[in-house]
Amino acid sequence: MAEKNKLALIPLGGLGEIGKNMMAVRYDKEIMVIDAGLSFPEDELLGIDIVIPDITFLIENKDMIKGIILTHGHEDHIGALPYVLKEINVPVYGTRLTLGLVEEKLKENDIANVKLIPVQPKDKIKLGKHLSVEFFKVSHSIPDAVGLAIHTPVGVVLHAADFKFDQTPVDGEVTDFATIAEYGKKGVLVLLSDSTNVERPGYTLSERAVGESFDEIFRNAKERIIVATFASNVHRIQQVINAAYKYNRKVAIVGRSMVNVATIAHETGYLTIPENVLLSIDEIFSYPNERITILTTGSQGEPMSALTRMAMADHKRVKISPGDTVIISAHPIPGNEKLVAKTINQLFYLGAEVIYESVSGIHVSGHASQEELKLMLNLVKPKFFVPVHGEYRHLVKHAKLAAQLGIPEENIFVAENGQILEFSSKKGVINGRVTSGRILIDGLGVGDVGNIVLRDRKQLSQDGIFIIVVTIDKEANLVLSGPDVISRGFVYVRESEELMEESREKVKIVLDNCFEKGITDWSTIKSQIRDTLGKFLYEKTKRRPMIIPIIMEV
């Protein structure tokens, strides 16, 4: 654990992965937490809804925590907050839009009495005796994103958060280069910088470039325009509304998360909507198609999203018609490519014109590419560098980039979640680790689905289930009824009567053998049924269903 005069940075999420970003900063007996994000499940996490960081370390040290600082309102930075606040009641600091989105989340989760403290760029806050934070403006794909300059007795830690250097942002709020450079001039002990786009050479295009593409599409479209994007991308929503207004179109917003974010952004002044532009979804039928734009969720092909249901002709209100222009203004998150492709194919099948390719200019990233990452490193000139927010290869490539710019390799730390990075004013080391990992959320269950349950789900999904039910007279060692066989997801029983009958015979033989040997322990009998049937079914079918023997006694 961190010594008294040392600063400890403890990543609990966001390193070696995309999402569930969370970092603890500790000095002496004071801790501040940066972000509390979630990630979405990979394919093998069957039935899991979301994944959050393991916060055992925070719960064990809850008396030391002085506050949670949020850098911006994306799910991978605020999504775990309701689960964290159920365990740890501390003040939460964030910009107005970020806290607006947090409030909605807390309402949904019935969490009250949380102290939400609004901040803005240039504000400075004190957390306990030793830690204080200054906020500075950064550009990202959501308004109100901030970086953090964390002042500690050992030195300044600069957390760049998710950023890109957009010189022409939609809201005119450029990154605060002056503050970043000023800290670089005074001296920064540690820089934590976003690694998401480190593999992309050059610069990330400005969000305004998307507006120019929208303008051209809106000018040429003859029928309805349907735009799918991330609900949180307020700048993108603004540009759709601007283009619709320019070409005399009305806008209907569809999808719960899109409606929520647009409402909060409009109320907090981050989304400007001209009068009489917005319609409810029911009102669109009162206007000709060439006057209608629909803004919707579903850019990732999510099965229950509005766009996917439109593509599958399953949406209650909106049916895709030949001549509709559908713009998918987002890049597929790794793992979602097949879902997105399926949606696009279906939209084409229904006669829509679909614009989705990255070359069409209808999406740009919110993360810095290589040249911007170099610029951040050169502006800050940190003594120590820790790449964050990325899969392991991203962290390694970002580390190499820093080394090329002259940061000594021994001062660059490619860390893992749970490791304790300890810094004095002169030296940095990795010194031990804390409990870390992932907590799986399934419905209302938090952490109650582990590896064994996932293994069972995988087996059930691949080979199904095979249940044997037997009623036994324990005194006389007699089978009174059964064995009966119930099968689901393994074979169709009516077409496999012979296999079912052979299975029953195998179970009878096992039971007879057990009775002869005087074995009456149910767990032993069940184990023998499972082993015998497992071998038999594999020989016959080359499948391994889950076998559940049920023994009832009278």
Protein backbone atom coordinates (compact mmCIF):
# COMPACT_ATOMS: atom_id res chain seq x y z
CA MET A 1 0.00 0.00 0.00
CA ALA A 2 1.13 3.57 -0.60
CA GLU A 3 3.57 4.96 1.94
CA LYS A 4 2.70 8.14 3.76
CA ASN A 5 4.81 10.48 1.61
CA LYS A 6 4.06 8.72 -1.67
CA LEU A 7 1.30 9.27 -4.18
CA ALA A 8 -0.52 6.14 -5.40
CA LEU A 9 -2.48 5.85 -8.65
CA ILE A 10 -4.65 2.73 -8.63
CA PRO A 11 -6.50 1.89 -11.86
CA LEU A 12 -9.63 -0.18 -11.11
CA GLY A 13 -10.83 -0.26 -14.73
CA GLY A 14 -10.05 1.03 -18.21
CA LEU A 15 -6.56 -0.48 -18.62
CA GLY A 16 -6.20 -3.42 -21.00
CA GLU A 17 -9.82 -2.90 -22.09
CA ILE A 18 -12.16 -0.39 -23.66
CA GLY A 19 -14.68 0.86 -21.09
CA LYS A 20 -15.38 0.63 -17.34
CA ASN A 21 -12.94 3.46 -16.66
CA MET A 22 -12.12 4.09 -13.01
CA MET A 23 -8.99 5.40 -11.30
CA ALA A 24 -8.30 5.91 -7.59
CA VAL A 25 -5.78 8.57 -6.51
CA ARG A 26 -4.45 8.15 -2.96
CA TYR A 27 -2.19 10.23 -0.78
CA ASP A 28 -1.75 9.42 2.91
CA LYS A 29 -5.27 8.56 4.13
CA GLU A 30 -7.20 10.41 1.40
CA ILE A 31 -8.60 8.96 -1.82
CA MET A 32 -10.33 10.58 -4.77
CA VAL A 33 -11.95 8.50 -7.51
CA ILE A 34 -11.93 9.52 -11.17
CA ASP A 35 -14.93 8.22 -13.15
CA ALA A 36 -17.09 5.15 -12.59
CA GLY A 37 -17.77 3.56 -15.95
CA LEU A 38 -19.28 0.39 -17.32
CA SER A 39 -18.53 -1.75 -20.35
CA PHE A 40 -20.82 -3.88 -22.45
CA PRO A 41 -20.51 -7.68 -22.38
CA GLU A 42 -18.48 -9.66 -24.89
CA ASP A 43 -20.12 -12.55 -26.74
CA GLU A 44 -19.04 -15.15 -24.19
CA LEU A 45 -20.82 -13.34 -21.33
CA LEU A 46 -24.14 -14.95 -22.14
CA GLY A 47 -27.16 -13.10 -20.77
CA ILE A 48 -25.05 -10.44 -19.00
CA ASP A 49 -26.39 -6.90 -19.35
CA ILE A 50 -23.40 -4.78 -18.34
CA VAL A 51 -19.98 -5.10 -16.69
CA ILE A 52 -18.68 -2.76 -13.96
CA PRO A 53 -15.34 -2.59 -12.11
CA ASP A 54 -14.78 -4.58 -8.92
CA ILE A 55 -14.88 -1.87 -6.23
CA THR A 56 -13.79 -4.04 -3.27
CA PHE A 57 -10.80 -1.70 -2.72
CA LEU A 58 -13.11 1.34 -2.50
CA ILE A 59 -15.55 -0.39 -0.14
CA GLU A 60 -12.67 -1.47 2.15
CA ASN A 61 -11.38 2.13 2.23
CA LYS A 62 -14.68 4.03 2.01
CA ASP A 63 -13.84 6.24 5.00
CA MET A 64 -10.87 7.65 3.10
CA ILE A 65 -12.81 8.59 -0.08
CA LYS A 66 -13.32 12.34 -0.38
CA GLY A 67 -15.25 12.39 -3.64
CA ILE A 68 -15.84 11.02 -7.14
CA ILE A 69 -14.80 13.27 -10.05
CA LEU A 70 -16.47 12.72 -13.45
CA THR A 71 -14.69 13.79 -16.64
CA HIS A 72 -17.75 13.56 -18.95
CA GLY A 73 -21.13 11.91 -19.42
CA HIS A 74 -20.42 8.80 -21.49
CA GLU A 75 -21.56 5.42 -20.13
CA ASP A 76 -17.99 4.11 -19.96
CA HIS A 77 -17.29 6.91 -17.45
CA ILE A 78 -20.56 7.27 -15.48
CA GLY A 79 -22.47 4.00 -16.06
CA ALA A 80 -21.31 2.23 -12.88
CA LEU A 81 -22.10 5.19 -10.63
CA PRO A 82 -25.50 3.91 -9.36
CA TYR A 83 -23.85 0.65 -8.24
CA VAL A 84 -20.93 2.47 -6.61
CA LEU A 85 -23.17 4.97 -4.77
CA LYS A 86 -25.21 2.14 -3.27
CA GLU A 87 -22.03 1.12 -1.44
CA ILE A 88 -20.24 4.44 -0.93
CA ASN A 89 -22.05 7.71 -0.25
CA VAL A 90 -19.62 10.49 -1.21
CA PRO A 91 -19.97 13.80 -3.11
CA VAL A 92 -19.90 13.55 -6.92
CA TYR A 93 -18.36 16.38 -8.94
CA GLY A 94 -19.08 16.95 -12.62
CA THR A 95 -20.05 19.53 -15.23
CA ARG A 96 -23.73 20.46 -15.69
CA LEU A 97 -24.52 18.13 -18.60
CA THR A 98 -22.65 15.25 -16.96
CA LEU A 99 -24.59 15.68 -13.71
CA GLY A 100 -27.86 16.03 -15.66
CA LEU A 101 -27.24 12.58 -17.15
CA VAL A 102 -26.19 11.22 -13.74
CA GLU A 103 -29.39 12.54 -12.10
CA GLU A 104 -31.48 10.61 -14.63
CA LYS A 105 -29.50 7.43 -13.88
CA LEU A 106 -29.89 7.81 -10.13
CA LYS A 107 -33.65 8.38 -10.55
CA GLU A 108 -33.96 5.19 -12.61
CA ASN A 109 -32.13 3.27 -9.86
CA ASP A 110 -34.10 4.85 -6.96
CA ILE A 111 -30.99 6.40 -5.42
CA ALA A 112 -31.59 9.60 -3.46
CA ASN A 113 -29.60 11.88 -1.15
CA VAL A 114 -26.46 11.92 -3.29
CA LYS A 115 -24.55 15.19 -3.14
CA LEU A 116 -24.02 16.27 -6.78
CA ILE A 117 -21.71 19.28 -7.01
CA PRO A 118 -21.57 21.12 -10.38
CA VAL A 119 -18.22 22.41 -11.62
CA GLN A 120 -17.01 24.10 -14.78
CA PRO A 121 -13.66 24.54 -16.53
CA LYS A 122 -11.22 26.74 -14.52
CA ASP A 123 -12.90 25.76 -11.21
CA LYS A 124 -10.64 24.47 -8.43
CA ILE A 125 -11.90 22.21 -5.67
CA LYS A 126 -10.21 20.88 -2.53
CA LEU A 127 -10.66 17.25 -1.47
CA GLY A 128 -9.42 16.77 2.07
CA LYS A 129 -6.09 18.18 3.27
CA HIS A 130 -3.79 16.95 0.52
CA LEU A 131 -5.67 16.70 -2.79
CA SER A 132 -7.16 19.43 -4.97
CA VAL A 133 -8.33 19.48 -8.60
CA GLU A 134 -8.49 22.11 -11.34
CA PHE A 135 -10.78 21.38 -14.30
CA PHE A 136 -9.88 22.35 -17.87
CA LYS A 137 -11.88 22.16 -21.10
CA VAL A 138 -11.23 19.33 -23.59
CA SER A 139 -13.00 18.48 -26.87
CA HIS A 140 -14.74 15.14 -27.12
CA SER A 141 -17.87 13.68 -28.75
CA ILE A 142 -20.05 14.93 -25.90
CA PRO A 143 -20.19 18.52 -24.61
CA ASP A 144 -18.92 19.52 -21.19
CA ALA A 145 -15.93 17.14 -21.18
CA VAL A 146 -13.07 18.16 -18.88
CA GLY A 147 -9.53 17.14 -18.11
CA LEU A 148 -8.16 17.24 -14.57
CA ALA A 149 -5.06 18.78 -13.02
CA ILE A 150 -4.74 17.00 -9.67
CA HIS A 151 -2.52 18.83 -7.17
CA THR A 152 -0.80 16.61 -4.62
CA PRO A 153 2.09 17.20 -2.16
CA VAL A 154 4.31 15.17 -4.52
CA GLY A 155 3.44 17.02 -7.73
CA VAL A 156 0.73 17.55 -10.34
CA VAL A 157 -1.04 14.64 -12.03
CA LEU A 158 -2.61 15.66 -15.35
CA HIS A 159 -5.52 13.43 -16.42
CA ALA A 160 -6.31 14.28 -20.07
CA ALA A 161 -9.58 12.27 -19.96
CA ASP A 162 -11.13 11.32 -23.34
CA PHE A 163 -10.06 14.05 -25.73
CA LYS A 164 -9.24 15.15 -29.24
CA PHE A 165 -7.84 18.48 -30.48
CA ASP A 166 -10.82 19.71 -32.49
CA GLN A 167 -9.94 23.16 -33.83
CA THR A 168 -13.50 23.83 -35.07
CA PRO A 169 -15.85 22.19 -32.55
CA VAL A 170 -19.60 22.49 -33.10
CA ASP A 171 -20.10 24.47 -29.87
CA GLY A 172 -17.04 26.67 -30.46
CA GLU A 173 -15.48 25.46 -27.17
CA VAL A 174 -11.94 24.45 -28.10
CA THR A 175 -9.59 22.52 -25.82
CA ASP A 176 -7.86 24.77 -23.29
CA PHE A 177 -4.39 24.55 -24.82
CA ALA A 178 -3.15 27.47 -22.71
CA THR A 179 -3.87 25.76 -19.37
CA ILE A 180 -2.35 22.46 -20.55
CA ALA A 181 0.79 24.26 -21.79
CA GLU A 182 0.99 26.31 -18.58
CA TYR A 183 1.04 23.13 -16.51
CA GLY A 184 3.68 21.73 -18.85
CA LYS A 185 5.78 24.81 -18.25
CA LYS A 186 5.43 24.62 -14.45
CA GLY A 187 6.11 20.87 -14.42
CA VAL A 188 3.82 17.82 -14.41
CA LEU A 189 4.77 14.74 -12.40
CA VAL A 190 2.47 12.21 -14.16
CA LEU A 191 0.39 12.40 -17.35
CA LEU A 192 -2.53 9.99 -17.83
CA SER A 193 -3.58 10.09 -21.49
CA ASP A 194 -6.29 8.42 -23.63
CA SER A 195 -4.97 5.57 -25.81
CA THR A 196 -8.14 4.58 -27.72
CA ASN A 197 -7.03 5.84 -31.17
CA VAL A 198 -3.27 5.43 -30.83
CA GLU A 199 -3.21 3.10 -33.86
CA ARG A 200 -4.61 5.82 -36.16
CA PRO A 201 -1.98 8.01 -37.82
CA GLY A 202 -2.49 11.74 -38.35
CA TYR A 203 -5.25 13.82 -36.78
CA THR A 204 -8.87 13.01 -35.98
CA LEU A 205 -11.24 14.99 -38.20
CA SER A 206 -13.28 17.81 -36.71
CA GLU A 207 -16.90 17.10 -35.77
CA ARG A 208 -17.82 19.99 -38.07
CA ALA A 209 -16.81 17.82 -41.07
CA VAL A 210 -19.81 15.61 -40.30
CA GLY A 211 -22.07 18.67 -40.52
CA GLU A 212 -20.80 19.34 -44.05
CA SER A 213 -21.61 15.74 -45.06
CA PHE A 214 -25.08 16.02 -43.51
CA ASP A 215 -25.68 19.24 -45.43
CA GLU A 216 -25.00 17.53 -48.74
CA ILE A 217 -27.16 14.47 -47.90
CA PHE A 218 -30.08 16.63 -46.69
CA ARG A 219 -29.85 18.81 -49.81
CA ASN A 220 -30.15 15.81 -52.15
CA ALA A 221 -32.56 13.51 -50.26
CA LYS A 222 -36.00 13.25 -51.85
CA GLU A 223 -37.87 11.31 -49.13
CA ARG A 224 -37.56 10.79 -45.36
CA ILE A 225 -34.18 10.90 -43.70
CA ILE A 226 -33.51 8.57 -40.74
CA VAL A 227 -30.30 9.21 -38.78
CA ALA A 228 -28.98 6.68 -36.25
CA THR A 229 -26.18 7.74 -33.91
CA PHE A 230 -25.05 7.40 -30.29
CA ALA A 231 -27.61 8.99 -27.98
CA SER A 232 -24.83 10.75 -26.06
CA ASN A 233 -23.36 12.48 -29.13
CA VAL A 234 -25.08 15.81 -28.54
CA HIS A 235 -22.96 17.61 -31.16
CA ARG A 236 -24.10 15.09 -33.79
CA ILE A 237 -27.74 15.54 -32.74
CA GLN A 238 -27.25 19.31 -33.01
CA GLN A 239 -25.90 19.00 -36.55
CA VAL A 240 -28.84 16.84 -37.63
CA ILE A 241 -31.25 19.44 -36.23
CA ASN A 242 -29.31 22.26 -37.96
CA ALA A 243 -29.44 20.49 -41.34
CA ALA A 244 -33.13 19.65 -40.93
CA TYR A 245 -33.95 23.27 -40.07
CA LYS A 246 -31.94 24.58 -43.04
CA TYR A 247 -33.82 22.34 -45.49
CA ASN A 248 -37.25 22.92 -43.93
CA ARG A 249 -37.62 19.51 -42.34
CA LYS A 250 -39.27 18.53 -39.06
CA VAL A 251 -37.41 16.25 -36.59
CA ALA A 252 -38.85 13.38 -34.55
CA ILE A 253 -36.64 11.78 -31.89
CA VAL A 254 -37.15 8.04 -31.36
CA GLY A 255 -35.58 5.74 -28.73
CA ARG A 256 -35.71 6.18 -24.96
CA SER A 257 -32.03 6.99 -24.41
CA MET A 258 -31.99 9.45 -27.34
CA VAL A 259 -35.09 11.25 -25.98
CA ASN A 260 -33.58 11.37 -22.45
CA VAL A 261 -30.22 12.81 -23.55
CA ALA A 262 -31.79 15.32 -25.98
CA THR A 263 -34.18 16.51 -23.25
CA ILE A 264 -31.40 16.93 -20.65
CA ALA A 265 -29.04 18.60 -23.17
CA HIS A 266 -31.80 21.00 -24.26
CA GLU A 267 -32.74 21.86 -20.66
CA THR A 268 -29.11 22.52 -19.70
CA GLY A 269 -28.49 24.67 -22.79
CA TYR A 270 -26.16 22.30 -24.68
CA LEU A 271 -28.64 21.58 -27.48
CA THR A 272 -30.28 24.40 -29.44
CA ILE A 273 -33.59 23.46 -31.05
CA PRO A 274 -35.37 26.11 -33.18
CA GLU A 275 -39.07 26.59 -32.53
CA ASN A 276 -41.53 24.27 -34.32
CA VAL A 277 -38.83 21.86 -35.52
CA LEU A 278 -39.52 18.99 -33.10
CA LEU A 279 -42.44 16.62 -33.64
CA SER A 280 -43.68 13.64 -31.69
CA ILE A 281 -43.45 10.35 -33.57
CA ASP A 282 -47.24 10.33 -34.06
CA GLU A 283 -47.17 13.75 -35.75
CA ILE A 284 -44.86 12.72 -38.60
CA PHE A 285 -47.79 11.29 -40.56
CA SER A 286 -49.29 14.79 -40.87
CA TYR A 287 -46.40 15.89 -43.09
CA PRO A 288 -45.11 14.68 -46.48
CA ASN A 289 -42.07 12.37 -46.33
CA GLU A 290 -39.74 14.98 -47.83
CA ARG A 291 -40.36 17.19 -44.77
CA ILE A 292 -39.48 14.51 -42.18
CA THR A 293 -36.24 13.60 -40.38
CA ILE A 294 -36.14 10.88 -37.71
CA LEU A 295 -33.31 10.81 -35.16
CA THR A 296 -32.97 7.39 -33.59
CA THR A 297 -30.87 4.96 -31.59
CA GLY A 298 -29.58 1.69 -33.05
CA SER A 299 -26.27 2.65 -34.68
CA GLN A 300 -24.72 -0.51 -33.19
CA GLY A 301 -27.40 -2.92 -34.45
CA GLU A 302 -28.68 -3.54 -30.90
CA PRO A 303 -31.55 -6.07 -31.23
CA MET A 304 -34.12 -4.02 -29.28
CA SER A 305 -33.14 -0.59 -30.61
CA ALA A 306 -35.48 1.54 -32.71
CA LEU A 307 -33.49 1.32 -35.97
CA THR A 308 -33.14 -2.48 -35.75
CA ARG A 309 -36.88 -2.85 -35.16
CA MET A 310 -37.56 -0.59 -38.15
CA ALA A 311 -35.22 -2.74 -40.28
CA MET A 312 -37.02 -5.91 -39.13
CA ALA A 313 -40.44 -4.30 -39.83
CA ASP A 314 -41.16 -4.65 -36.13
CA HIS A 315 -41.49 -0.99 -35.09
CA LYS A 316 -44.96 0.09 -34.00
CA ARG A 317 -44.83 3.53 -35.63
CA VAL A 318 -42.15 3.68 -38.32
CA LYS A 319 -42.03 1.44 -41.38
CA ILE A 320 -39.09 1.72 -43.80
CA SER A 321 -40.26 2.71 -47.29
CA PRO A 322 -38.43 2.58 -50.63
CA GLY A 323 -36.69 5.92 -51.12
CA ASP A 324 -35.95 6.52 -47.41
CA THR A 325 -32.37 7.66 -46.73
CA VAL A 326 -30.89 5.99 -43.63
CA ILE A 327 -27.65 7.44 -42.23
CA ILE A 328 -25.75 5.30 -39.72
CA SER A 329 -23.55 7.97 -38.16
CA ALA A 330 -21.31 5.83 -35.94
CA HIS A 331 -18.49 3.34 -36.26
CA PRO A 332 -19.32 -0.22 -35.10
CA ILE A 333 -17.85 -0.97 -31.68
CA PRO A 334 -15.60 -4.08 -31.99
CA GLY A 335 -17.88 -7.12 -31.68
CA ASN A 336 -20.93 -5.35 -33.12
CA GLU A 337 -19.91 -5.55 -36.79
CA LYS A 338 -22.20 -8.50 -37.60
CA LEU A 339 -25.24 -6.90 -35.94
CA VAL A 340 -24.66 -3.65 -37.84
CA ALA A 341 -24.16 -5.50 -41.15
CA LYS A 342 -27.39 -7.45 -40.60
CA THR A 343 -29.33 -4.22 -40.01
CA ILE A 344 -27.80 -2.56 -43.10
CA ASN A 345 -28.64 -5.57 -45.30
CA GLN A 346 -32.22 -5.56 -44.08
CA LEU A 347 -32.59 -1.82 -44.70
CA PHE A 348 -31.35 -2.24 -48.27
CA TYR A 349 -33.77 -5.15 -48.71
CA LEU A 350 -36.66 -2.83 -47.74
CA GLY A 351 -35.60 -0.36 -50.43
CA ALA A 352 -33.81 2.26 -48.32
CA GLU A 353 -30.69 4.13 -49.40
CA VAL A 354 -28.19 3.43 -46.59
CA ILE A 355 -25.17 5.65 -45.96
CA TYR A 356 -22.79 3.99 -43.53
CA GLU A 357 -19.26 3.71 -44.89
CA SER A 358 -16.51 5.51 -43.01
CA VAL A 359 -15.43 7.15 -46.31
CA SER A 360 -18.79 8.92 -46.57
CA GLY A 361 -17.81 11.43 -43.86
CA ILE A 362 -20.88 10.83 -41.69
CA HIS A 363 -18.89 9.86 -38.59
CA VAL A 364 -15.71 11.04 -36.91
CA SER A 365 -14.17 9.77 -33.69
CA GLY A 366 -14.12 11.68 -30.42
CA HIS A 367 -10.64 10.40 -29.57
CA ALA A 368 -7.20 11.77 -30.42
CA SER A 369 -5.13 10.16 -33.16
CA GLN A 370 -1.32 9.79 -33.10
CA GLU A 371 -0.35 13.39 -33.90
CA GLU A 372 -2.70 14.78 -31.25
CA LEU A 373 -1.39 12.29 -28.68
CA LYS A 374 2.14 13.48 -29.50
CA LEU A 375 1.02 17.09 -29.13
CA MET A 376 -0.45 16.37 -25.69
CA LEU A 377 2.81 14.72 -24.60
CA ASN A 378 4.88 17.62 -25.98
CA LEU A 379 2.69 20.27 -24.34
CA VAL A 380 2.70 18.55 -20.94
CA LYS A 381 6.30 17.22 -20.94
CA PRO A 382 5.57 14.94 -17.94
CA LYS A 383 8.24 13.33 -15.80
CA PHE A 384 6.25 10.04 -15.75
CA PHE A 385 3.71 8.77 -18.27
CA VAL A 386 0.87 6.26 -17.83
CA PRO A 387 -1.19 5.45 -20.96
CA VAL A 388 -4.84 4.75 -20.00
CA HIS A 389 -8.20 3.96 -21.69
CA GLY A 390 -7.33 1.21 -24.14
CA GLU A 391 -6.69 -2.45 -24.78
CA TYR A 392 -3.23 -3.72 -23.91
CA ARG A 393 -1.86 -3.22 -27.44
CA HIS A 394 -3.07 0.41 -27.36
CA LEU A 395 -1.25 1.03 -24.08
CA VAL A 396 1.97 -0.50 -25.45
CA LYS A 397 1.80 1.56 -28.67
CA HIS A 398 1.12 4.74 -26.70
CA ALA A 399 4.11 3.95 -24.48
CA LYS A 400 6.30 3.57 -27.58
CA LEU A 401 5.02 6.88 -28.91
CA ALA A 402 6.03 8.57 -25.64
CA ALA A 403 9.48 6.97 -25.77
CA GLN A 404 9.98 8.32 -29.32
CA LEU A 405 9.31 11.81 -27.92
CA GLY A 406 12.08 11.47 -25.38
CA ILE A 407 10.38 10.28 -22.20
CA PRO A 408 12.79 7.74 -20.60
CA GLU A 409 11.42 4.19 -20.88
CA GLU A 410 11.88 3.60 -17.15
CA ASN A 411 9.47 6.52 -16.55
CA ILE A 412 6.69 5.01 -18.70
CA PHE A 413 4.31 2.55 -17.02
CA VAL A 414 2.13 0.15 -19.00
CA ALA A 415 0.00 -0.89 -16.06
CA GLU A 416 -2.83 -3.32 -15.38
CA ASN A 417 -6.06 -2.86 -13.48
CA GLY A 418 -5.42 -3.30 -9.76
CA GLN A 419 -1.72 -2.44 -9.80
CA ILE A 420 -0.53 0.29 -7.42
CA LEU A 421 1.63 2.89 -9.20
CA GLU A 422 3.59 4.70 -6.53
CA PHE A 423 5.28 8.05 -7.12
CA SER A 424 7.57 10.30 -5.15
CA SER A 425 8.82 13.55 -6.68
CA LYS A 426 11.82 11.68 -8.09
CA LYS A 427 10.84 8.06 -8.54
CA GLY A 428 7.96 5.90 -9.82
CA VAL A 429 7.43 2.17 -9.21
CA ILE A 430 4.71 -0.46 -9.45
CA ASN A 431 4.34 -1.61 -5.85
CA GLY A 432 1.81 -4.41 -5.28
CA ARG A 433 -1.83 -4.61 -6.25
CA VAL A 434 -5.35 -4.37 -4.89
CA THR A 435 -8.43 -6.46 -5.64
CA SER A 436 -9.70 -5.66 -9.12
CA GLY A 437 -11.62 -7.31 -11.92
CA ARG A 438 -15.14 -7.19 -13.19
CA ILE A 439 -18.59 -7.47 -11.64
CA LEU A 440 -21.26 -8.86 -13.95
CA ILE A 441 -24.73 -7.30 -13.83
CA ASP A 442 -27.58 -9.57 -14.96
CA GLY A 443 -31.04 -8.07 -14.49
CA LEU A 444 -31.25 -7.08 -10.83
CA GLY A 445 -28.38 -9.38 -9.85
CA VAL A 446 -25.07 -7.67 -9.09
CA GLY A 447 -22.13 -10.07 -9.08
CA ASP A 448 -24.25 -13.19 -8.55
CA VAL A 449 -23.29 -14.59 -11.96
CA GLY A 450 -19.77 -16.01 -11.91
CA ASN A 451 -17.65 -18.35 -14.03
CA ILE A 452 -19.62 -21.47 -13.07
CA VAL A 453 -22.97 -19.95 -14.08
CA LEU A 454 -21.45 -18.68 -17.34
CA ARG A 455 -19.97 -22.11 -18.04
CA ASP A 456 -23.41 -23.68 -17.50
CA ARG A 457 -25.05 -21.10 -19.77
CA LYS A 458 -22.48 -21.81 -22.46
CA GLN A 459 -23.09 -25.55 -22.21
CA LEU A 460 -26.88 -25.07 -22.30
CA SER A 461 -26.61 -22.79 -25.33
CA GLN A 462 -24.39 -25.23 -27.22
CA ASP A 463 -25.79 -28.69 -26.39
CA GLY A 464 -28.99 -28.22 -24.39
CA ILE A 465 -30.21 -30.04 -21.30
CA PHE A 466 -31.09 -33.68 -20.54
CA ILE A 467 -33.12 -34.36 -17.36
CA ILE A 468 -33.72 -37.83 -15.84
CA VAL A 469 -36.52 -38.19 -13.28
CA VAL A 470 -36.76 -41.34 -11.13
CA THR A 471 -38.96 -42.18 -8.12
CA ILE A 472 -37.46 -44.74 -5.73
CA ASP A 473 -38.67 -46.64 -2.69
CA LYS A 474 -35.62 -46.23 -0.46
CA GLU A 475 -36.52 -49.01 2.00
CA ALA A 476 -37.01 -51.68 -0.66
CA ASN A 477 -34.45 -50.26 -3.14
CA LEU A 478 -37.07 -50.33 -5.90
CA VAL A 479 -37.74 -48.00 -8.82
CA LEU A 480 -41.42 -47.04 -8.48
CA SER A 481 -41.65 -44.87 -11.59
CA GLY A 482 -39.37 -43.79 -14.41
CA PRO A 483 -36.74 -43.23 -15.46
CA ASP A 484 -38.52 -40.43 -17.38
CA VAL A 485 -36.50 -38.33 -19.79
CA ILE A 486 -37.00 -34.62 -20.49
CA SER A 487 -34.83 -33.02 -23.17
CA ARG A 488 -34.58 -29.36 -24.28
CA GLY A 489 -32.19 -28.00 -26.89
CA PHE A 490 -30.51 -31.40 -27.30
CA VAL A 491 -32.60 -33.56 -29.64
CA TYR A 492 -36.26 -33.48 -30.62
CA VAL A 493 -37.72 -36.23 -28.43
CA ARG A 494 -40.34 -37.55 -30.85
CA GLU A 495 -37.76 -38.08 -33.58
CA SER A 496 -35.29 -39.71 -31.18
CA GLU A 497 -37.44 -42.29 -29.37
CA GLU A 498 -34.78 -44.95 -29.80
CA LEU A 499 -32.09 -42.76 -28.19
CA MET A 500 -34.45 -41.89 -25.33
CA GLU A 501 -35.28 -45.55 -24.73
CA GLU A 502 -31.61 -46.55 -24.74
CA SER A 503 -30.91 -43.71 -22.26
CA ARG A 504 -33.63 -45.03 -19.93
CA GLU A 505 -32.11 -48.52 -20.10
CA LYS A 506 -28.66 -47.13 -19.25
CA VAL A 507 -30.09 -45.38 -16.19
CA LYS A 508 -31.89 -48.56 -15.07
CA ILE A 509 -28.61 -50.50 -15.28
CA VAL A 510 -26.83 -47.85 -13.18
CA LEU A 511 -29.58 -47.97 -10.54
CA ASP A 512 -29.58 -51.79 -10.41
CA ASN A 513 -25.79 -51.81 -9.96
CA CYS A 514 -26.01 -49.27 -7.15
CA PHE A 515 -28.75 -51.23 -5.36
CA GLU A 516 -26.75 -54.47 -5.67
CA LYS A 517 -23.68 -52.81 -4.14
CA GLY A 518 -25.77 -51.23 -1.37
CA ILE A 519 -25.04 -47.64 -2.55
CA THR A 520 -27.80 -45.41 -1.20
CA ASP A 521 -26.04 -42.04 -1.20
CA TRP A 522 -27.98 -39.89 -3.69
CA SER A 523 -24.96 -37.79 -4.76
CA THR A 524 -23.04 -40.97 -5.69
CA ILE A 525 -26.00 -42.39 -7.63
CA LYS A 526 -26.50 -39.07 -9.47
CA SER A 527 -22.81 -38.86 -10.28
CA GLN A 528 -22.82 -42.39 -11.76
CA ILE A 529 -25.95 -41.63 -13.84
CA ARG A 530 -24.28 -38.45 -15.11
CA ASP A 531 -21.02 -40.20 -16.03
CA THR A 532 -22.69 -43.18 -17.76
CA LEU A 533 -25.20 -41.09 -19.68
CA GLY A 534 -22.57 -38.50 -20.62
CA LYS A 535 -20.35 -41.14 -22.26
CA PHE A 536 -23.31 -42.83 -23.95
CA LEU A 537 -24.80 -39.62 -25.39
CA TYR A 538 -21.42 -38.39 -26.60
CA GLU A 539 -20.77 -41.71 -28.39
CA LYS A 540 -24.19 -41.53 -30.05
CA THR A 541 -24.38 -37.80 -30.88
CA LYS A 542 -20.93 -36.22 -30.31
CA ARG A 543 -22.73 -33.69 -28.07
CA ARG A 544 -22.41 -32.98 -24.36
CA PRO A 545 -25.76 -31.78 -22.99
CA MET A 546 -26.08 -30.73 -19.37
CA ILE A 547 -27.33 -33.87 -17.58
CA ILE A 548 -29.47 -33.36 -14.47
CA PRO A 549 -30.65 -36.50 -12.63
CA ILE A 550 -33.60 -35.88 -10.29
CA ILE A 551 -34.24 -38.63 -7.71
CA MET A 552 -37.42 -38.56 -5.62
CA GLU A 553 -37.92 -40.99 -2.77
CA VAL A 554 -41.01 -42.30 -1.04
